[in-house]
Protein backbone atom coordinates (compact mmCIF):
# COMPACT_ATOMS: atom_id res chain seq x y z
CA UNK A 1 -0.04 -0.06 0.01
CA UNK A 2 2.82 2.38 0.76
CA UNK A 3 4.02 2.53 -2.85
CA UNK A 4 0.58 3.39 -4.01
CA UNK A 5 0.27 6.08 -1.31
CA UNK A 6 3.51 7.66 -2.36
CA UNK A 7 2.62 7.60 -6.00
CA UNK A 8 -0.86 9.24 -5.20
CA UNK A 9 0.86 11.89 -3.20
CA UNK A 10 3.34 12.61 -5.93
CA UNK A 11 0.72 12.94 -8.57
CA UNK A 12 -1.32 15.37 -6.25
CA UNK A 13 1.67 17.55 -5.70
CA UNK A 14 2.68 17.43 -9.50
CA UNK A 15 -0.96 18.31 -10.51
CA UNK A 16 -1.00 21.25 -8.10
CA UNK A 17 2.21 22.43 -9.41
CA UNK A 18 1.07 22.30 -13.04
CA UNK A 19 -2.15 24.17 -12.17
CA UNK A 20 -0.17 26.90 -10.39
CA UNK A 21 2.25 27.14 -13.26
CA UNK A 22 -0.58 27.36 -15.86
CA UNK A 23 -2.25 30.24 -13.89
CA UNK A 24 1.09 31.95 -13.57
CA UNK A 25 1.70 31.46 -17.34
CA UNK A 26 -1.72 32.87 -18.20
CA UNK A 27 -1.12 35.84 -16.03
CA UNK A 28 2.34 36.53 -17.51
CA UNK A 29 0.79 36.01 -20.98
CA UNK A 30 -1.89 38.66 -20.31
CA UNK A 31 0.72 41.06 -18.98
CA UNK A 32 2.86 40.50 -22.06
CA UNK A 33 -0.09 41.02 -24.41
CA UNK A 34 -0.99 44.28 -22.56
CA UNK A 35 2.59 45.49 -22.90
CA UNK A 36 2.62 44.57 -26.63
CA UNK A 37 -0.67 46.52 -27.22
CA UNK A 38 0.68 49.48 -25.32
CA UNK A 39 3.90 49.33 -27.42
CA UNK A 40 1.87 49.31 -30.55
CA UNK A 41 -0.22 52.23 -29.39
CA UNK A 42 2.87 54.24 -28.43
CA UNK A 43 4.45 53.34 -31.85
CA UNK A 44 1.38 54.42 -33.76
CA UNK A 45 1.24 57.73 -31.80
CA UNK A 46 4.92 58.23 -32.34
CA UNK A 47 4.43 57.71 -36.12
CA UNK A 48 1.44 60.12 -36.13
CA UNK A 49 3.66 62.79 -34.37
CA UNK A 50 6.51 62.34 -36.75
CA UNK A 51 4.40 62.22 -39.91
CA UNK A 52 2.39 65.36 -38.91
CA UNK A 53 5.49 67.35 -37.93
CA UNK A 54 7.20 66.39 -41.10
CA UNK A 55 4.19 67.65 -43.13
CA UNK A 56 4.14 70.84 -41.07
CA UNK A 57 8.02 71.42 -41.94
CA UNK A 58 7.23 70.91 -45.68
CA UNK A 59 4.27 73.29 -45.51
CA UNK A 60 6.56 75.92 -43.73
CA UNK A 61 8.98 75.53 -46.66
CA UNK A 62 6.09 76.08 -49.12
CA UNK A 63 4.99 79.09 -47.10
CA UNK A 64 8.57 80.56 -47.16
CA UNK A 65 8.64 79.89 -51.09
CA UNK A 66 5.42 81.69 -51.58
CA UNK A 67 6.58 84.64 -49.44
CA UNK A 68 9.70 84.87 -51.54
CA UNK A 69 7.57 84.91 -54.71
CA UNK A 70 5.38 87.75 -53.43
CA UNK A 71 8.50 89.64 -52.18
CA UNK A 72 10.01 89.60 -55.69
CA UNK A 73 6.77 90.73 -57.18
CA UNK A 74 6.57 93.56 -54.77
CA UNK A 75 9.76 94.94 -56.22
CA UNK A 76 8.06 95.69 -59.42
CA UNK A 77 7.30 99.31 -60.16
CA UNK A 78 3.53 98.81 -60.75
CA UNK A 79 1.14 95.76 -60.72
CA UNK A 80 -0.77 94.83 -63.71
CA UNK A 81 -4.05 93.03 -63.36
CA UNK A 82 -2.52 89.55 -63.76
CA UNK A 83 0.11 90.18 -61.10
CA UNK A 84 -2.36 91.72 -58.71
CA UNK A 85 -4.66 88.77 -59.19
CA UNK A 86 -1.76 86.30 -58.61
CA UNK A 87 -0.51 88.07 -55.50
CA UNK A 88 -4.04 87.98 -54.00
CA UNK A 89 -4.24 84.28 -54.71
CA UNK A 90 -0.92 83.71 -53.09
CA UNK A 91 -2.06 85.63 -50.03
CA UNK A 92 -5.17 83.60 -49.54
CA UNK A 93 -3.07 80.46 -49.96
CA UNK A 94 -0.59 81.71 -47.35
CA UNK A 95 -3.33 82.32 -44.84
CA UNK A 96 -5.11 78.93 -45.56
CA UNK A 97 -1.63 77.14 -45.04
CA UNK A 98 -0.90 79.07 -41.80
CA UNK A 99 -4.36 78.39 -40.28
CA UNK A 100 -4.29 74.68 -41.28
CA UNK A 101 -0.73 74.20 -39.77
CA UNK A 102 -1.73 76.08 -36.62
CA UNK A 103 -4.74 73.78 -36.14
CA UNK A 104 -2.56 70.75 -36.71
CA UNK A 105 -0.02 71.97 -34.14
CA UNK A 106 -2.82 72.62 -31.67
CA UNK A 107 -4.08 69.03 -32.26
CA UNK A 108 -0.73 67.49 -31.66
CA UNK A 109 -0.10 69.47 -28.44
CA UNK A 110 -3.53 68.38 -27.11
CA UNK A 111 -2.79 64.79 -28.00
CA UNK A 112 0.63 64.78 -26.24
CA UNK A 113 -1.02 66.49 -23.19
CA UNK A 114 -3.56 63.74 -22.86
CA UNK A 115 -1.35 60.84 -23.79
CA UNK A 116 0.69 58.54 -21.55
CA UNK A 117 3.57 58.87 -24.06
CA UNK A 118 5.90 61.59 -23.12
CA UNK A 119 8.90 62.79 -25.01
CA UNK A 120 10.98 65.93 -24.06
CA UNK A 121 12.46 65.82 -27.75
CA UNK A 122 8.92 65.85 -29.31
CA UNK A 123 7.80 68.73 -27.12
CA UNK A 124 10.91 70.65 -28.16
CA UNK A 125 10.17 69.92 -31.80
CA UNK A 126 6.66 71.15 -31.42
CA UNK A 127 7.88 74.37 -29.62
CA UNK A 128 10.25 74.90 -32.48
CA UNK A 129 7.58 74.46 -35.24
CA UNK A 130 5.27 76.79 -33.33
CA UNK A 131 7.80 79.51 -33.12
CA UNK A 132 8.68 79.07 -36.81
CA UNK A 133 4.86 79.27 -37.74
CA UNK A 134 4.60 82.38 -35.56
CA UNK A 135 7.56 83.94 -37.47
CA UNK A 136 6.10 83.21 -40.91
CA UNK A 137 2.74 84.57 -39.81
CA UNK A 138 4.55 87.82 -38.76
CA UNK A 139 6.18 87.88 -42.24
CA UNK A 140 2.85 87.46 -43.96
CA UNK A 141 1.42 90.37 -41.90
CA UNK A 142 4.30 92.52 -42.97
CA UNK A 143 3.72 91.61 -46.55
CA UNK A 144 0.15 92.75 -46.24
CA UNK A 145 1.32 96.09 -44.80
CA UNK A 146 3.93 96.60 -47.58
CA UNK A 147 1.54 95.69 -50.30
CA UNK A 148 -1.11 97.93 -48.87
CA UNK A 149 1.23 100.93 -48.99
CA UNK A 150 1.95 100.18 -52.68
CA UNK A 151 -1.35 99.04 -54.08
CA UNK A 152 -4.67 99.77 -52.40
CA UNK A 153 -6.27 97.16 -54.59
CA UNK A 154 -4.17 94.46 -53.00
CA UNK A 155 -5.66 95.09 -49.54
CA UNK A 156 -9.10 95.20 -51.01
CA UNK A 157 -8.74 91.83 -52.79
CA UNK A 158 -6.19 90.24 -50.43
CA UNK A 159 -8.53 89.69 -47.58
CA UNK A 160 -7.65 87.49 -44.68
CA UNK A 161 -8.77 83.92 -45.40
CA UNK A 162 -11.16 83.97 -42.42
CA UNK A 163 -12.95 87.13 -43.70
CA UNK A 164 -12.81 85.81 -47.30
CA UNK A 165 -14.46 82.49 -46.22
CA UNK A 166 -17.04 84.42 -44.32
CA UNK A 167 -17.91 86.70 -47.32
CA UNK A 168 -18.05 83.79 -49.71
CA UNK A 169 -20.41 81.88 -47.34
CA UNK A 170 -22.67 85.04 -46.98
CA UNK A 171 -22.74 85.42 -50.72
CA UNK A 172 -23.55 81.71 -51.22
CA UNK A 173 -26.43 81.96 -48.69
CA UNK A 174 -27.73 85.20 -50.42
CA UNK A 175 -27.50 83.53 -53.78
CA UNK A 176 -29.39 80.47 -52.54
CA UNK A 177 -32.12 82.62 -51.07
CA UNK A 178 -32.38 84.63 -54.33
CA UNK A 179 -32.42 81.43 -56.44
CA UNK A 180 -35.14 79.95 -54.23
CA UNK A 181 -37.18 83.24 -54.45
CA UNK A 182 -36.66 83.32 -58.23
CA UNK A 183 -37.78 79.72 -58.63
CA UNK A 184 -40.83 80.31 -56.43
CA UNK A 185 -41.76 83.36 -58.38
CA UNK A 186 -41.29 81.63 -61.68
CA UNK A 187 -43.38 78.74 -60.56
CA UNK A 188 -46.20 81.11 -59.44
CA UNK A 189 -46.01 83.02 -62.67
CA UNK A 190 -46.25 80.06 -64.81
CA UNK A 191 -48.76 77.98 -62.69
CA UNK A 192 -52.25 77.43 -64.22
CA UNK A 193 -55.24 75.37 -63.16
CA UNK A 194 -57.80 73.46 -65.14
CA UNK A 195 -60.93 71.38 -64.59
CA UNK A 196 -63.45 69.45 -66.60
CA UNK A 197 -66.68 67.95 -65.66
CA UNK A 198 -70.42 67.74 -66.30
CA UNK A 199 -72.65 70.66 -65.72
CA UNK A 200 -73.89 69.10 -62.57
CA UNK A 201 -70.29 68.41 -61.20
CA UNK A 202 -69.23 71.92 -61.96
CA UNK A 203 -72.26 73.34 -60.25
CA UNK A 204 -71.78 71.18 -57.25
CA UNK A 205 -68.35 72.64 -56.92
CA UNK A 206 -69.74 76.14 -57.46
CA UNK A 207 -67.43 76.57 -60.51
CA UNK A 208 -70.43 77.57 -62.58
CA UNK A 209 -73.54 79.05 -61.38
CA UNK A 210 -76.85 80.72 -62.63
CA UNK A 211 -79.52 82.56 -60.68
CA UNK A 212 -82.57 81.35 -62.79
CA UNK A 213 -83.65 79.58 -65.88
CA UNK A 214 -83.12 82.75 -68.03
CA UNK A 215 -80.17 84.09 -66.24
CA UNK A 216 -76.87 83.83 -68.01
CA UNK A 217 -74.34 81.25 -66.78
CA UNK A 218 -71.61 82.52 -64.59
CA UNK A 219 -68.19 80.94 -64.48
CA UNK A 220 -65.83 81.26 -61.44
CA UNK A 221 -68.03 84.04 -59.98
CA UNK A 222 -68.75 82.66 -56.58
CA UNK A 223 -66.60 81.03 -53.89
CA UNK A 224 -65.70 77.93 -56.07
CA UNK A 225 -63.77 74.92 -54.93
CA UNK A 226 -60.15 75.51 -55.98
CA UNK A 227 -59.16 72.19 -54.75
CA UNK A 228 -61.15 70.65 -57.48
CA UNK A 229 -58.80 72.08 -60.10
CA UNK A 230 -55.69 70.41 -61.40
CA UNK A 231 -52.42 72.39 -61.03
CA UNK A 232 -50.06 72.43 -64.06
CA UNK A 233 -47.05 74.19 -65.49
CA UNK A 234 -48.54 76.38 -68.13
CA UNK A 235 -45.26 76.29 -70.22
CA UNK A 236 -45.09 72.57 -70.41
CA UNK A 237 -48.75 71.42 -70.65
CA UNK A 238 -49.51 71.27 -74.33
CA UNK A 239 -52.51 68.86 -74.44
CA UNK A 240 -55.21 67.85 -72.02
CA UNK A 241 -57.32 64.66 -72.64
CA UNK A 242 -60.86 65.39 -71.87
CA UNK A 243 -62.29 61.65 -72.15
CA UNK A 244 -65.61 62.79 -73.57
CA UNK A 245 -67.22 63.03 -76.98
CA UNK A 246 -68.52 66.57 -76.21
CA UNK A 247 -66.38 69.45 -74.84
CA UNK A 248 -67.03 73.10 -74.35
CA UNK A 249 -64.64 75.69 -73.05
CA UNK A 250 -66.31 77.98 -70.52
CA UNK A 251 -63.47 80.32 -69.63
CA UNK A 252 -62.13 83.03 -71.86
CA UNK A 253 -59.00 81.87 -73.97
CA UNK A 254 -58.08 83.20 -77.33
CA UNK A 255 -59.59 80.84 -79.89
CA UNK A 256 -56.35 81.03 -82.11
CA UNK A 257 -54.31 79.61 -79.22
CA UNK A 258 -56.01 76.20 -79.06
CA UNK A 259 -57.90 73.54 -80.91
CA UNK A 260 -60.17 70.68 -79.81
CA UNK A 261 -59.25 67.46 -81.55
CA UNK A 262 -60.61 64.04 -81.44
CA UNK A 263 -58.65 60.99 -80.47
CA UNK A 264 -60.32 57.58 -80.34
CA UNK A 265 -63.74 59.50 -80.44
CA UNK A 266 -62.83 61.61 -77.30
CA UNK A 267 -61.92 65.24 -77.39
CA UNK A 268 -58.39 66.38 -76.49
CA UNK A 269 -57.53 70.03 -75.86
CA UNK A 270 -54.48 71.02 -77.84
CA UNK A 271 -52.74 74.26 -76.72
CA UNK A 272 -51.02 75.71 -79.82
CA UNK A 273 -49.76 78.88 -78.19
CA UNK A 274 -49.34 78.47 -74.32
CA UNK A 275 -48.31 82.10 -73.74
CA UNK A 276 -51.41 83.45 -75.57
CA UNK A 277 -53.78 80.77 -74.19
CA UNK A 278 -53.15 81.65 -70.60
CA UNK A 279 -52.83 85.46 -71.23
CA UNK A 280 -56.43 86.03 -70.31
CA UNK A 281 -56.93 83.68 -67.42
CA UNK A 282 -54.85 81.13 -65.46
CA UNK A 283 -58.04 79.10 -64.82
CA UNK A 284 -59.43 76.84 -67.48
CA UNK A 285 -62.93 75.36 -67.12
CA UNK A 286 -64.31 72.91 -69.62
CA UNK A 287 -67.70 71.26 -69.63
CA UNK A 288 -68.11 67.73 -70.82
CA UNK A 289 -70.83 65.14 -71.01
């Protein structure tokens, strides 16, 4: 029995050791995975910082190059229209570039501030880029001043990008409002209404009326039902099927502007001249059987 007892005890100890080692292994693995994820995150952040700062440095060089071009143009005795237009385009470009890069630097600073990743070198690089952008911004302001002294039209056209964007947006809004108003007015001007029905139907809708047997028939004289009419675009509607073997136009429309023709034994109103046809009335009433 003793050998079996010792074997059982050995297996029990061995099993406990394995369980403990497995738990320790799992814990170490989780810690390692966490460290790997943190490393990847830091690496991605670092790559973002490096890429963004590299782009900012390239943009600063573009800004300097554009400033040099404007400075050379500023040495000319007078500006012709093409030169003036080019200078204003370059000034707008400079302001757009400065604003975009300032916004990007602000984003990077905020990201570093809220990140667990800290680097003195990165912060120094950001400080250097910030200082460089401030310097270029001052140079652009100086260019504005110099150009303003030389050519007043430059200051009129070379507006700061923020003001220019605001003006463009306001003009866009005004144009949209004008276009909407014009479209609504155009629709109103060219809208017409028509209805056809039997004498009984038209009377029921108060579209036609008469006070007595010998009284003349009145059209659209009382409070008629406008909802009974069909709304159309007077410019586009050239024909109106009447689905009847008899048709009589009750409203006033120049006879030369239309014809009543038969198709499959039913009348169809053909409008020959839309402008003339609707010149007297925008309402068309037709009596059918």
